[in-house]
Amino acid sequence: MGIWMAASLRKKMELARTASLESPGSESEPASNSRAGHDSNENQNLDDNADDPSITALLEPSLAVIGYEHKIYYPYPSFATGDITILGPDEKFANLSTRAVQGIFKLIRFYATILDYGY
C-alpha cells in the first residue's frame, strides 16, 4: 500500500513541476527571440524551482480501509529528489470504524469534512 501512496504523490509532484515550468506565452514568441534574455544558469534555475513549497511541500491524506477499520496515512516528499515518507496510521482518528452505528456516523462526518476541503 505504501508503494501506491508514494507513486501517487511522486506523479503529482511531477505534474506540479511540469505545470510550473510551462509558460503560456512561450508558444507565441517568434523563434528568433526565443533566446533573447537567455539566462546562462537556466539549469540551476530549474533546480531552484524544485525547492518551491508549492511543488514539494505536498501533504495529502491517504485513506486505507482494512476490514471494519478506516486508517489515515500521510505521505509527503522528504526531499526534492522524490523520496517519500509515510506517517501513520494517525492515532487521532483511531476510532473510525464501521463496527458500530456510532462509528458509521463518525465516518460520515469525517468523509464529509474531507469532501468540503476538496480532497
N, C-alpha and C. Protein backbone atom coordinates (compact mmCIF):
# COMPACT_ATOMS: atom_id res chain seq x y z
N MET A 1 0.82 -1.18 0.00
CA MET A 1 0.00 0.00 0.00
C MET A 1 0.87 1.25 0.00
N GLY A 2 1.98 1.20 0.70
CA GLY A 2 2.90 2.34 0.74
C GLY A 2 3.48 2.66 -0.62
N ILE A 3 3.69 1.63 -1.43
CA ILE A 3 4.22 1.85 -2.78
C ILE A 3 3.23 2.65 -3.60
N TRP A 4 1.94 2.35 -3.48
CA TRP A 4 0.92 3.09 -4.23
C TRP A 4 0.81 4.53 -3.75
N MET A 5 0.90 4.75 -2.44
CA MET A 5 0.85 6.11 -1.91
C MET A 5 2.03 6.93 -2.43
N ALA A 6 3.21 6.33 -2.38
CA ALA A 6 4.41 7.04 -2.83
C ALA A 6 4.35 7.31 -4.33
N ALA A 7 3.89 6.35 -5.11
CA ALA A 7 3.81 6.54 -6.56
C ALA A 7 2.81 7.64 -6.91
N SER A 8 1.69 7.67 -6.22
CA SER A 8 0.69 8.71 -6.47
C SER A 8 1.24 10.09 -6.17
N LEU A 9 1.94 10.22 -5.05
CA LEU A 9 2.49 11.52 -4.67
C LEU A 9 3.62 11.93 -5.61
N ARG A 10 4.46 10.98 -6.03
CA ARG A 10 5.53 11.31 -6.99
C ARG A 10 4.94 11.82 -8.30
N LYS A 11 3.88 11.18 -8.77
CA LYS A 11 3.25 11.60 -10.02
C LYS A 11 2.68 13.01 -9.87
N LYS A 12 2.05 13.31 -8.74
CA LYS A 12 1.51 14.65 -8.52
C LYS A 12 2.63 15.69 -8.43
N MET A 13 3.77 15.32 -7.84
CA MET A 13 4.91 16.23 -7.80
C MET A 13 5.42 16.51 -9.20
N GLU A 14 5.49 15.45 -10.02
CA GLU A 14 5.94 15.60 -11.40
C GLU A 14 4.99 16.50 -12.19
N LEU A 15 3.70 16.30 -12.02
CA LEU A 15 2.72 17.14 -12.71
C LEU A 15 2.79 18.59 -12.25
N ALA A 16 3.00 18.80 -10.95
CA ALA A 16 3.12 20.17 -10.43
C ALA A 16 4.37 20.85 -10.98
N ARG A 17 5.47 20.11 -11.06
CA ARG A 17 6.70 20.67 -11.63
C ARG A 17 6.50 21.02 -13.09
N THR A 18 5.87 20.13 -13.85
CA THR A 18 5.63 20.37 -15.28
C THR A 18 4.74 21.58 -15.47
N ALA A 19 3.70 21.69 -14.67
CA ALA A 19 2.78 22.82 -14.80
C ALA A 19 3.46 24.14 -14.44
N SER A 20 4.36 24.12 -13.48
CA SER A 20 5.01 25.37 -13.07
C SER A 20 6.10 25.79 -14.05
N LEU A 21 6.68 24.84 -14.79
CA LEU A 21 7.76 25.17 -15.72
C LEU A 21 7.24 25.63 -17.07
N GLU A 22 6.02 25.28 -17.42
CA GLU A 22 5.45 25.71 -18.69
C GLU A 22 4.96 27.14 -18.57
N SER A 23 5.27 27.94 -19.58
CA SER A 23 4.75 29.31 -19.60
C SER A 23 3.82 29.45 -20.78
N PRO A 24 2.60 29.95 -20.57
CA PRO A 24 1.62 30.01 -21.65
C PRO A 24 2.04 30.93 -22.79
N GLY A 25 2.85 31.95 -22.55
CA GLY A 25 3.25 32.88 -23.60
C GLY A 25 4.42 32.41 -24.43
N SER A 26 5.06 31.30 -24.06
CA SER A 26 6.26 30.87 -24.76
C SER A 26 5.96 30.38 -26.17
N GLU A 27 4.78 29.89 -26.46
CA GLU A 27 4.46 29.40 -27.79
C GLU A 27 4.24 30.53 -28.78
N SER A 28 3.82 31.69 -28.32
CA SER A 28 3.51 32.79 -29.23
C SER A 28 4.74 33.63 -29.57
N GLU A 29 5.89 33.40 -28.92
CA GLU A 29 7.09 34.16 -29.21
C GLU A 29 7.70 33.68 -30.52
N PRO A 30 8.25 34.60 -31.32
CA PRO A 30 8.93 34.18 -32.54
C PRO A 30 10.19 33.39 -32.21
N ALA A 31 10.61 32.54 -33.14
CA ALA A 31 11.77 31.68 -32.91
C ALA A 31 13.05 32.50 -32.78
N SER A 32 13.16 33.64 -33.46
CA SER A 32 14.38 34.44 -33.40
C SER A 32 14.56 35.08 -32.03
N ASN A 33 13.49 35.34 -31.31
CA ASN A 33 13.58 35.96 -30.00
C ASN A 33 13.53 34.95 -28.86
N SER A 34 13.49 33.66 -29.20
CA SER A 34 13.34 32.66 -28.15
C SER A 34 14.54 32.62 -27.22
N ARG A 35 15.73 33.04 -27.69
CA ARG A 35 16.91 33.03 -26.84
C ARG A 35 17.22 34.42 -26.27
N ALA A 36 16.42 35.41 -26.61
CA ALA A 36 16.65 36.76 -26.10
C ALA A 36 16.46 36.76 -24.59
N GLY A 37 17.39 37.35 -23.89
CA GLY A 37 17.31 37.39 -22.44
C GLY A 37 17.58 36.04 -21.81
N HIS A 38 18.33 35.19 -22.52
CA HIS A 38 18.63 33.85 -22.03
C HIS A 38 19.50 33.92 -20.78
N ASP A 39 19.16 33.15 -19.78
CA ASP A 39 19.93 33.07 -18.55
C ASP A 39 20.92 31.91 -18.68
N SER A 40 22.19 32.18 -18.50
CA SER A 40 23.20 31.13 -18.63
C SER A 40 23.09 30.09 -17.52
N ASN A 41 22.41 30.42 -16.46
CA ASN A 41 22.22 29.49 -15.35
C ASN A 41 20.84 28.86 -15.40
N GLU A 42 20.33 28.61 -16.60
CA GLU A 42 18.96 28.11 -16.75
C GLU A 42 18.74 26.80 -16.00
N ASN A 43 19.71 25.88 -16.09
CA ASN A 43 19.54 24.60 -15.41
C ASN A 43 19.49 24.77 -13.90
N GLN A 44 20.29 25.69 -13.37
CA GLN A 44 20.25 25.93 -11.93
C GLN A 44 18.91 26.52 -11.53
N ASN A 45 18.32 27.36 -12.36
CA ASN A 45 17.02 27.93 -12.04
C ASN A 45 15.94 26.86 -11.99
N LEU A 46 16.06 25.85 -12.86
CA LEU A 46 15.08 24.76 -12.82
C LEU A 46 15.20 23.99 -11.52
N ASP A 47 16.44 23.77 -11.06
CA ASP A 47 16.63 23.07 -9.80
C ASP A 47 16.11 23.88 -8.63
N ASP A 48 16.23 25.22 -8.71
CA ASP A 48 15.71 26.06 -7.64
C ASP A 48 14.20 25.91 -7.53
N ASN A 49 13.51 25.69 -8.66
CA ASN A 49 12.06 25.51 -8.63
C ASN A 49 11.66 24.23 -7.91
N ALA A 50 12.57 23.26 -7.86
CA ALA A 50 12.26 22.00 -7.19
C ALA A 50 12.08 22.20 -5.69
N ASP A 51 12.68 23.27 -5.14
CA ASP A 51 12.55 23.53 -3.72
C ASP A 51 11.39 24.45 -3.39
N ASP A 52 10.60 24.84 -4.38
CA ASP A 52 9.45 25.72 -4.18
C ASP A 52 8.41 24.99 -3.33
N PRO A 53 7.95 25.58 -2.23
CA PRO A 53 6.97 24.91 -1.38
C PRO A 53 5.69 24.52 -2.10
N SER A 54 5.31 25.26 -3.13
CA SER A 54 4.08 24.92 -3.84
C SER A 54 4.24 23.62 -4.61
N ILE A 55 5.47 23.21 -4.87
CA ILE A 55 5.71 21.98 -5.63
C ILE A 55 6.02 20.82 -4.70
N THR A 56 6.95 21.02 -3.77
CA THR A 56 7.46 19.89 -2.99
C THR A 56 6.83 19.74 -1.62
N ALA A 57 6.15 20.71 -1.12
CA ALA A 57 5.57 20.61 0.22
C ALA A 57 4.16 20.05 0.17
N LEU A 58 3.97 19.03 -0.63
CA LEU A 58 2.66 18.39 -0.74
C LEU A 58 2.46 17.46 0.45
N LEU A 59 1.33 17.57 1.06
CA LEU A 59 0.95 16.65 2.13
C LEU A 59 -0.51 16.32 1.91
N GLU A 60 -0.78 15.08 1.63
CA GLU A 60 -2.17 14.70 1.40
C GLU A 60 -2.48 13.44 2.19
N PRO A 61 -3.65 13.37 2.76
CA PRO A 61 -4.00 12.16 3.49
C PRO A 61 -4.31 11.02 2.52
N SER A 62 -3.93 9.83 2.92
CA SER A 62 -4.28 8.62 2.18
C SER A 62 -5.15 7.78 3.09
N LEU A 63 -6.23 7.30 2.56
CA LEU A 63 -7.20 6.55 3.35
C LEU A 63 -7.09 5.07 3.02
N ALA A 64 -7.05 4.26 4.05
CA ALA A 64 -6.98 2.81 3.87
C ALA A 64 -8.11 2.18 4.66
N VAL A 65 -8.87 1.32 4.00
CA VAL A 65 -9.95 0.59 4.66
C VAL A 65 -9.49 -0.86 4.79
N ILE A 66 -9.34 -1.29 6.04
CA ILE A 66 -8.90 -2.64 6.33
C ILE A 66 -9.97 -3.28 7.20
N GLY A 67 -10.80 -4.09 6.60
CA GLY A 67 -11.92 -4.68 7.33
C GLY A 67 -12.90 -3.61 7.76
N TYR A 68 -13.14 -3.53 9.07
CA TYR A 68 -14.03 -2.51 9.61
C TYR A 68 -13.33 -1.17 9.85
N GLU A 69 -12.02 -1.22 9.92
CA GLU A 69 -11.23 -0.05 10.31
C GLU A 69 -10.90 0.84 9.12
N HIS A 70 -10.97 2.15 9.33
CA HIS A 70 -10.56 3.15 8.34
C HIS A 70 -9.35 3.86 8.93
N LYS A 71 -8.22 3.81 8.23
CA LYS A 71 -6.97 4.38 8.74
C LYS A 71 -6.50 5.49 7.82
N ILE A 72 -5.86 6.50 8.41
CA ILE A 72 -5.38 7.65 7.66
C ILE A 72 -3.86 7.69 7.76
N TYR A 73 -3.22 7.77 6.59
CA TYR A 73 -1.77 7.89 6.49
C TYR A 73 -1.44 9.21 5.79
N TYR A 74 -0.23 9.72 6.05
CA TYR A 74 0.19 10.99 5.45
C TYR A 74 1.51 10.80 4.70
N PRO A 75 1.45 10.57 3.40
CA PRO A 75 2.69 10.55 2.63
C PRO A 75 3.10 11.98 2.28
N TYR A 76 4.40 12.24 2.35
CA TYR A 76 4.89 13.57 1.97
C TYR A 76 6.31 13.41 1.41
N PRO A 77 6.70 14.32 0.51
CA PRO A 77 8.06 14.25 -0.04
C PRO A 77 9.06 14.74 1.00
N SER A 78 10.04 13.91 1.33
CA SER A 78 11.04 14.32 2.31
C SER A 78 12.20 15.05 1.66
N PHE A 79 12.41 14.84 0.37
CA PHE A 79 13.44 15.54 -0.39
C PHE A 79 12.89 15.86 -1.77
N ALA A 80 13.46 16.86 -2.43
CA ALA A 80 13.02 17.24 -3.77
C ALA A 80 13.37 16.17 -4.79
N THR A 81 14.22 15.20 -4.43
CA THR A 81 14.62 14.16 -5.36
C THR A 81 13.54 13.11 -5.56
N GLY A 82 12.49 13.14 -4.75
CA GLY A 82 11.41 12.19 -4.93
C GLY A 82 11.27 11.17 -3.82
N ASP A 83 12.10 11.25 -2.77
CA ASP A 83 11.96 10.33 -1.64
C ASP A 83 10.67 10.66 -0.90
N ILE A 84 9.90 9.63 -0.58
CA ILE A 84 8.61 9.81 0.07
C ILE A 84 8.66 9.17 1.45
N THR A 85 8.13 9.89 2.43
CA THR A 85 7.99 9.37 3.79
C THR A 85 6.51 9.23 4.09
N ILE A 86 6.12 8.14 4.73
CA ILE A 86 4.71 7.91 5.05
C ILE A 86 4.57 7.83 6.57
N LEU A 87 3.74 8.71 7.11
CA LEU A 87 3.44 8.71 8.54
C LEU A 87 2.07 8.08 8.75
N GLY A 88 1.95 7.29 9.79
CA GLY A 88 0.63 6.78 10.10
C GLY A 88 0.67 5.37 10.62
N PRO A 89 -0.46 4.86 10.97
CA PRO A 89 -1.79 5.49 10.90
C PRO A 89 -1.93 6.57 11.97
N ASP A 90 -2.74 7.55 11.67
CA ASP A 90 -2.96 8.69 12.57
C ASP A 90 -3.80 8.22 13.76
N GLU A 91 -3.23 8.34 14.95
CA GLU A 91 -3.90 7.88 16.17
C GLU A 91 -5.09 8.76 16.56
N LYS A 92 -5.12 9.99 16.06
CA LYS A 92 -6.24 10.88 16.37
C LYS A 92 -7.55 10.32 15.81
N PHE A 93 -7.45 9.60 14.71
CA PHE A 93 -8.63 9.04 14.07
C PHE A 93 -8.69 7.52 14.26
N ALA A 94 -8.28 7.04 15.41
CA ALA A 94 -8.24 5.60 15.66
C ALA A 94 -9.62 4.98 15.78
N ASN A 95 -10.64 5.77 16.09
CA ASN A 95 -11.98 5.22 16.31
C ASN A 95 -12.85 5.24 15.06
N LEU A 96 -12.26 5.38 13.89
CA LEU A 96 -13.05 5.35 12.66
C LEU A 96 -13.28 3.89 12.26
N SER A 97 -14.46 3.41 12.53
CA SER A 97 -14.77 2.01 12.30
C SER A 97 -16.25 1.86 11.98
N THR A 98 -16.57 0.81 11.25
CA THR A 98 -17.97 0.52 10.94
C THR A 98 -18.51 -0.63 11.80
N ARG A 99 -17.85 -0.91 12.91
CA ARG A 99 -18.32 -1.98 13.80
C ARG A 99 -19.59 -1.61 14.55
N ALA A 100 -19.81 -0.31 14.74
CA ALA A 100 -21.00 0.15 15.48
C ALA A 100 -21.64 1.29 14.70
N VAL A 101 -22.91 1.52 14.98
CA VAL A 101 -23.65 2.59 14.31
C VAL A 101 -23.00 3.94 14.61
N GLN A 102 -22.54 4.13 15.82
CA GLN A 102 -21.88 5.38 16.20
C GLN A 102 -20.64 5.63 15.33
N GLY A 103 -19.88 4.59 15.06
CA GLY A 103 -18.69 4.72 14.21
C GLY A 103 -19.04 5.07 12.78
N ILE A 104 -20.17 4.56 12.29
CA ILE A 104 -20.61 4.88 10.93
C ILE A 104 -20.90 6.37 10.81
N PHE A 105 -21.55 6.94 11.82
CA PHE A 105 -21.85 8.37 11.78
C PHE A 105 -20.57 9.21 11.89
N LYS A 106 -19.60 8.73 12.66
CA LYS A 106 -18.31 9.42 12.72
C LYS A 106 -17.64 9.42 11.35
N LEU A 107 -17.72 8.27 10.67
CA LEU A 107 -17.13 8.18 9.33
C LEU A 107 -17.82 9.11 8.35
N ILE A 108 -19.14 9.20 8.43
CA ILE A 108 -19.88 10.09 7.53
C ILE A 108 -19.42 11.53 7.74
N ARG A 109 -19.31 11.94 9.00
CA ARG A 109 -18.83 13.31 9.29
C ARG A 109 -17.39 13.51 8.81
N PHE A 110 -16.56 12.51 9.02
CA PHE A 110 -15.16 12.60 8.63
C PHE A 110 -15.02 12.75 7.11
N TYR A 111 -15.70 11.88 6.36
CA TYR A 111 -15.61 11.95 4.90
C TYR A 111 -16.27 13.22 4.36
N ALA A 112 -17.32 13.70 5.00
CA ALA A 112 -17.95 14.96 4.58
C ALA A 112 -16.98 16.12 4.77
N THR A 113 -16.22 16.11 5.86
CA THR A 113 -15.23 17.16 6.10
C THR A 113 -14.14 17.12 5.03
N ILE A 114 -13.68 15.93 4.69
CA ILE A 114 -12.67 15.80 3.64
C ILE A 114 -13.20 16.35 2.32
N LEU A 115 -14.43 16.01 1.97
CA LEU A 115 -15.01 16.49 0.71
C LEU A 115 -15.21 18.00 0.73
N ASP A 116 -15.54 18.57 1.88
CA ASP A 116 -15.69 20.02 1.98
C ASP A 116 -14.39 20.75 1.69
N TYR A 117 -13.27 20.15 2.07
CA TYR A 117 -11.97 20.78 1.84
C TYR A 117 -11.41 20.46 0.46
N GLY A 118 -12.13 19.73 -0.34
CA GLY A 118 -11.73 19.49 -1.73
C GLY A 118 -10.72 18.39 -1.94
N TYR A 119 -10.71 17.39 -1.10
CA TYR A 119 -9.76 16.28 -1.26
C TYR A 119 -10.06 15.52 -2.50
